[in-house]
N, C-alpha and C. Protein backbone atom coordinates (compact mmCIF):
# COMPACT_ATOMS: atom_id res chain seq x y z
N MET A 1 -45.39 -13.47 18.22
CA MET A 1 -44.30 -14.26 18.75
C MET A 1 -43.10 -13.37 19.01
N LEU A 2 -42.37 -13.71 20.01
CA LEU A 2 -41.15 -12.96 20.30
C LEU A 2 -40.06 -13.34 19.33
N ALA A 3 -39.12 -12.42 19.14
CA ALA A 3 -38.00 -12.69 18.22
C ALA A 3 -37.17 -13.87 18.71
N ARG A 4 -37.05 -14.01 20.02
CA ARG A 4 -36.28 -15.12 20.57
C ARG A 4 -36.93 -16.46 20.23
N GLU A 5 -38.24 -16.51 20.29
CA GLU A 5 -38.94 -17.74 19.93
C GLU A 5 -38.77 -18.04 18.45
N LEU A 6 -38.80 -17.00 17.62
CA LEU A 6 -38.58 -17.20 16.19
C LEU A 6 -37.19 -17.75 15.92
N GLN A 7 -36.21 -17.28 16.68
CA GLN A 7 -34.84 -17.73 16.45
C GLN A 7 -34.71 -19.23 16.72
N PHE A 8 -35.32 -19.72 17.77
CA PHE A 8 -35.16 -21.12 18.11
C PHE A 8 -36.10 -22.03 17.32
N GLN A 9 -37.30 -21.57 17.04
CA GLN A 9 -38.26 -22.41 16.36
C GLN A 9 -38.17 -22.30 14.85
N GLY A 10 -37.73 -21.18 14.36
CA GLY A 10 -37.70 -20.96 12.92
C GLY A 10 -39.02 -20.36 12.46
N ILE A 11 -39.06 -19.93 11.25
CA ILE A 11 -40.27 -19.35 10.67
C ILE A 11 -40.90 -20.41 9.78
N ASN A 12 -42.16 -20.70 10.01
CA ASN A 12 -42.85 -21.73 9.26
C ASN A 12 -43.46 -21.12 8.01
N ARG A 13 -43.01 -21.55 6.85
CA ARG A 13 -43.54 -21.09 5.56
C ARG A 13 -44.08 -22.30 4.82
N GLY A 14 -45.31 -22.66 5.11
CA GLY A 14 -45.90 -23.81 4.45
C GLY A 14 -45.23 -25.09 4.93
N ASP A 15 -44.61 -25.82 4.00
CA ASP A 15 -43.97 -27.08 4.38
C ASP A 15 -42.49 -26.88 4.69
N ARG A 16 -41.97 -25.65 4.57
CA ARG A 16 -40.56 -25.40 4.85
C ARG A 16 -40.42 -24.57 6.12
N THR A 17 -39.44 -24.89 6.91
CA THR A 17 -39.13 -24.12 8.10
C THR A 17 -37.76 -23.49 7.91
N ILE A 18 -37.71 -22.18 8.03
CA ILE A 18 -36.46 -21.44 7.84
C ILE A 18 -35.98 -20.97 9.20
N SER A 19 -34.83 -21.42 9.60
CA SER A 19 -34.26 -21.00 10.87
C SER A 19 -33.53 -19.68 10.68
N LEU A 20 -33.76 -18.75 11.58
CA LEU A 20 -33.09 -17.45 11.48
C LEU A 20 -31.59 -17.58 11.67
N THR A 21 -31.16 -18.57 12.43
CA THR A 21 -29.72 -18.75 12.60
C THR A 21 -29.07 -19.20 11.29
N ARG A 22 -29.79 -19.97 10.48
CA ARG A 22 -29.25 -20.37 9.18
C ARG A 22 -29.12 -19.18 8.25
N VAL A 23 -30.08 -18.28 8.31
CA VAL A 23 -30.02 -17.08 7.48
C VAL A 23 -28.89 -16.18 7.97
N LYS A 24 -28.73 -16.09 9.28
CA LYS A 24 -27.68 -15.25 9.85
C LYS A 24 -26.29 -15.74 9.45
N ARG A 25 -26.13 -17.06 9.32
CA ARG A 25 -24.83 -17.62 8.95
C ARG A 25 -24.40 -17.23 7.55
N LEU A 26 -25.34 -16.84 6.69
CA LEU A 26 -24.99 -16.41 5.33
C LEU A 26 -24.17 -15.13 5.35
N PHE A 27 -24.32 -14.32 6.39
CA PHE A 27 -23.66 -13.02 6.45
C PHE A 27 -22.41 -13.04 7.32
N VAL A 28 -21.90 -14.20 7.65
CA VAL A 28 -20.69 -14.33 8.46
C VAL A 28 -19.53 -14.67 7.55
N ILE A 29 -18.42 -13.94 7.71
CA ILE A 29 -17.21 -14.21 6.94
C ILE A 29 -16.50 -15.37 7.62
N LYS A 30 -16.34 -16.48 6.91
CA LYS A 30 -15.78 -17.68 7.51
C LYS A 30 -14.33 -17.94 7.10
N THR A 31 -13.94 -17.59 5.90
CA THR A 31 -12.60 -17.92 5.41
C THR A 31 -11.89 -16.65 4.95
N ARG A 32 -10.57 -16.78 4.80
CA ARG A 32 -9.78 -15.65 4.32
C ARG A 32 -10.14 -15.32 2.88
N PHE A 33 -10.51 -16.32 2.09
CA PHE A 33 -10.91 -16.07 0.71
C PHE A 33 -12.13 -15.17 0.66
N GLU A 34 -13.13 -15.45 1.50
CA GLU A 34 -14.31 -14.61 1.56
C GLU A 34 -13.94 -13.20 2.01
N ALA A 35 -13.01 -13.10 2.95
CA ALA A 35 -12.57 -11.79 3.42
C ALA A 35 -11.91 -11.00 2.30
N TYR A 36 -11.06 -11.67 1.52
CA TYR A 36 -10.40 -10.97 0.41
C TYR A 36 -11.41 -10.54 -0.65
N LEU A 37 -12.43 -11.33 -0.89
CA LEU A 37 -13.47 -10.92 -1.85
C LEU A 37 -14.21 -9.67 -1.36
N ILE A 38 -14.50 -9.64 -0.08
CA ILE A 38 -15.20 -8.48 0.47
C ILE A 38 -14.30 -7.25 0.45
N ILE A 39 -13.02 -7.43 0.78
CA ILE A 39 -12.09 -6.31 0.74
C ILE A 39 -11.93 -5.80 -0.69
N PHE A 40 -11.90 -6.71 -1.65
CA PHE A 40 -11.81 -6.30 -3.06
C PHE A 40 -13.02 -5.46 -3.45
N ALA A 41 -14.20 -5.91 -3.04
CA ALA A 41 -15.42 -5.16 -3.37
C ALA A 41 -15.41 -3.78 -2.71
N LEU A 42 -14.96 -3.73 -1.46
CA LEU A 42 -14.85 -2.44 -0.78
C LEU A 42 -13.86 -1.52 -1.49
N ALA A 43 -12.72 -2.08 -1.91
CA ALA A 43 -11.70 -1.29 -2.60
C ALA A 43 -12.21 -0.78 -3.94
N LEU A 44 -12.92 -1.63 -4.65
CA LEU A 44 -13.46 -1.22 -5.95
C LEU A 44 -14.42 -0.04 -5.79
N GLY A 45 -15.31 -0.14 -4.82
CA GLY A 45 -16.24 0.96 -4.57
C GLY A 45 -15.55 2.22 -4.09
N ALA A 46 -14.54 2.05 -3.24
CA ALA A 46 -13.84 3.21 -2.71
C ALA A 46 -13.05 3.92 -3.80
N MET A 47 -12.42 3.16 -4.68
CA MET A 47 -11.65 3.80 -5.75
C MET A 47 -12.56 4.50 -6.76
N THR A 48 -13.73 3.94 -6.99
CA THR A 48 -14.71 4.61 -7.85
C THR A 48 -15.15 5.92 -7.21
N ARG A 49 -15.43 5.84 -5.92
CA ARG A 49 -15.84 7.05 -5.19
C ARG A 49 -14.70 8.07 -5.19
N GLY A 50 -13.47 7.60 -5.00
CA GLY A 50 -12.32 8.50 -5.02
C GLY A 50 -12.13 9.18 -6.37
N ALA A 51 -12.37 8.44 -7.45
CA ALA A 51 -12.27 9.03 -8.78
C ALA A 51 -13.32 10.12 -8.97
N HIS A 52 -14.51 9.90 -8.42
CA HIS A 52 -15.54 10.93 -8.49
C HIS A 52 -15.15 12.16 -7.67
N TYR A 53 -14.46 11.93 -6.55
CA TYR A 53 -14.00 13.06 -5.74
C TYR A 53 -13.01 13.93 -6.51
N THR A 54 -12.12 13.31 -7.29
CA THR A 54 -11.15 14.10 -8.04
C THR A 54 -11.81 14.95 -9.11
N VAL A 55 -12.95 14.49 -9.63
CA VAL A 55 -13.68 15.28 -10.62
C VAL A 55 -14.50 16.37 -9.93
N GLN A 56 -15.15 16.00 -8.83
CA GLN A 56 -16.02 16.94 -8.14
C GLN A 56 -15.23 18.03 -7.43
N TYR A 57 -14.07 17.67 -6.85
CA TYR A 57 -13.23 18.62 -6.14
C TYR A 57 -11.85 18.64 -6.81
N PRO A 58 -11.67 19.42 -7.86
CA PRO A 58 -10.38 19.43 -8.56
C PRO A 58 -9.28 20.01 -7.66
N GLY A 59 -8.09 19.50 -7.87
CA GLY A 59 -6.95 20.01 -7.10
C GLY A 59 -6.59 19.07 -5.96
N VAL A 60 -5.91 19.67 -4.99
CA VAL A 60 -5.38 18.89 -3.87
C VAL A 60 -6.49 18.28 -3.03
N GLY A 61 -7.59 19.00 -2.84
CA GLY A 61 -8.69 18.49 -2.02
C GLY A 61 -9.26 17.19 -2.53
N GLY A 62 -9.43 17.08 -3.83
CA GLY A 62 -9.95 15.85 -4.42
C GLY A 62 -9.00 14.68 -4.23
N TYR A 63 -7.70 14.96 -4.39
CA TYR A 63 -6.72 13.89 -4.21
C TYR A 63 -6.60 13.47 -2.75
N LEU A 64 -6.79 14.41 -1.82
CA LEU A 64 -6.79 14.04 -0.41
C LEU A 64 -7.99 13.16 -0.07
N LEU A 65 -9.14 13.49 -0.62
CA LEU A 65 -10.32 12.65 -0.41
C LEU A 65 -10.14 11.28 -1.04
N PHE A 66 -9.49 11.24 -2.21
CA PHE A 66 -9.19 9.96 -2.86
C PHE A 66 -8.30 9.11 -1.96
N ALA A 67 -7.27 9.74 -1.38
CA ALA A 67 -6.38 9.02 -0.47
C ALA A 67 -7.12 8.56 0.79
N ALA A 68 -8.07 9.37 1.26
CA ALA A 68 -8.84 8.99 2.44
C ALA A 68 -9.69 7.75 2.18
N THR A 69 -10.27 7.66 0.98
CA THR A 69 -11.07 6.47 0.67
C THR A 69 -10.19 5.23 0.61
N ALA A 70 -8.99 5.37 0.05
CA ALA A 70 -8.06 4.23 0.00
C ALA A 70 -7.63 3.84 1.41
N GLY A 71 -7.35 4.83 2.24
CA GLY A 71 -6.95 4.54 3.62
C GLY A 71 -8.04 3.85 4.41
N ALA A 72 -9.29 4.23 4.16
CA ALA A 72 -10.40 3.58 4.86
C ALA A 72 -10.48 2.10 4.49
N VAL A 73 -10.21 1.77 3.23
CA VAL A 73 -10.23 0.37 2.82
C VAL A 73 -9.08 -0.39 3.46
N PHE A 74 -7.90 0.22 3.54
CA PHE A 74 -6.76 -0.43 4.19
C PHE A 74 -7.08 -0.73 5.65
N LEU A 75 -7.64 0.24 6.35
CA LEU A 75 -7.97 0.03 7.76
C LEU A 75 -9.07 -1.01 7.94
N GLY A 76 -10.10 -0.93 7.12
CA GLY A 76 -11.19 -1.90 7.21
C GLY A 76 -10.75 -3.30 6.86
N GLY A 77 -9.93 -3.44 5.82
CA GLY A 77 -9.43 -4.76 5.43
C GLY A 77 -8.55 -5.37 6.50
N ALA A 78 -7.70 -4.55 7.11
CA ALA A 78 -6.84 -5.05 8.19
C ALA A 78 -7.68 -5.51 9.37
N LYS A 79 -8.73 -4.77 9.68
CA LYS A 79 -9.60 -5.14 10.80
C LYS A 79 -10.33 -6.46 10.52
N ILE A 80 -10.79 -6.64 9.30
CA ILE A 80 -11.47 -7.89 8.93
C ILE A 80 -10.52 -9.07 9.06
N LEU A 81 -9.30 -8.94 8.54
CA LEU A 81 -8.34 -10.04 8.60
C LEU A 81 -7.90 -10.32 10.03
N ASP A 82 -7.73 -9.27 10.85
CA ASP A 82 -7.37 -9.47 12.25
C ASP A 82 -8.49 -10.17 13.01
N ALA A 83 -9.73 -9.82 12.71
CA ALA A 83 -10.86 -10.46 13.38
C ALA A 83 -10.94 -11.94 13.03
N LEU A 84 -10.67 -12.29 11.77
CA LEU A 84 -10.66 -13.71 11.39
C LEU A 84 -9.57 -14.47 12.12
N ARG A 85 -8.39 -13.86 12.20
CA ARG A 85 -7.28 -14.52 12.90
C ARG A 85 -7.60 -14.68 14.38
N TYR A 86 -8.18 -13.65 14.99
CA TYR A 86 -8.53 -13.72 16.40
C TYR A 86 -9.57 -14.82 16.66
N GLU A 87 -10.58 -14.91 15.81
CA GLU A 87 -11.60 -15.95 15.98
C GLU A 87 -11.02 -17.34 15.82
N ARG A 88 -10.10 -17.52 14.87
CA ARG A 88 -9.47 -18.82 14.67
C ARG A 88 -8.63 -19.20 15.89
N GLU A 89 -7.85 -18.25 16.42
CA GLU A 89 -7.03 -18.53 17.59
C GLU A 89 -7.89 -18.83 18.81
N ALA A 90 -8.99 -18.13 18.98
CA ALA A 90 -9.88 -18.39 20.11
C ALA A 90 -10.52 -19.76 19.99
N ARG A 91 -10.89 -20.15 18.77
CA ARG A 91 -11.48 -21.47 18.55
C ARG A 91 -10.47 -22.57 18.84
N GLU A 92 -9.22 -22.37 18.40
CA GLU A 92 -8.18 -23.36 18.66
C GLU A 92 -7.85 -23.45 20.15
N ALA A 93 -7.83 -22.31 20.84
CA ALA A 93 -7.56 -22.31 22.27
C ALA A 93 -8.67 -23.04 23.02
N GLY A 94 -9.91 -22.87 22.59
CA GLY A 94 -11.03 -23.57 23.21
C GLY A 94 -10.94 -25.07 22.99
N ALA A 95 -10.48 -25.48 21.81
CA ALA A 95 -10.34 -26.91 21.52
C ALA A 95 -9.23 -27.52 22.37
N HIS A 96 -8.12 -26.78 22.54
CA HIS A 96 -7.03 -27.29 23.37
C HIS A 96 -7.44 -27.39 24.83
N THR A 97 -8.22 -26.44 25.30
CA THR A 97 -8.70 -26.47 26.68
C THR A 97 -9.64 -27.65 26.88
N ALA A 98 -10.49 -27.92 25.90
CA ALA A 98 -11.42 -29.05 26.00
C ALA A 98 -10.67 -30.37 25.98
N GLU A 99 -9.60 -30.46 25.20
CA GLU A 99 -8.80 -31.69 25.16
C GLU A 99 -8.13 -31.94 26.50
N LYS A 100 -7.62 -30.89 27.13
CA LYS A 100 -6.96 -31.04 28.43
C LYS A 100 -7.96 -31.49 29.49
N ALA A 101 -9.19 -31.02 29.40
CA ALA A 101 -10.21 -31.39 30.38
C ALA A 101 -10.82 -32.75 30.07
N GLY A 102 -10.49 -33.32 28.92
CA GLY A 102 -11.03 -34.62 28.55
C GLY A 102 -12.44 -34.54 27.98
N LEU A 103 -12.82 -33.39 27.45
CA LEU A 103 -14.15 -33.21 26.88
C LEU A 103 -14.07 -33.23 25.37
N GLN A 104 -15.20 -33.52 24.75
CA GLN A 104 -15.29 -33.46 23.29
C GLN A 104 -15.55 -32.01 22.89
N PRO A 105 -14.83 -31.45 21.89
CA PRO A 105 -15.09 -30.07 21.47
C PRO A 105 -16.39 -29.95 20.71
């Protein structure tokens, strides 16, 4: 079967049918709370990695790598939050356009 057919029909496992779109939705960040949890996990891992860098590379080099890991989390977190805001604004703009046209969103 083609992957496209699997996506629309789902995967049949005995008496249960699992839709790939339902599984895909598990990996989508929907709320700011979920985004903050993911950013926290990224920061925790980055700071642990940065601490290892200070041990592995003593001196200024280790601290620069530590700062780079923190900076990567700041940039990634900002991108995640901006993407959520952009998606929300696009969804609201689509709803307003549908209301003006007299359609149901």
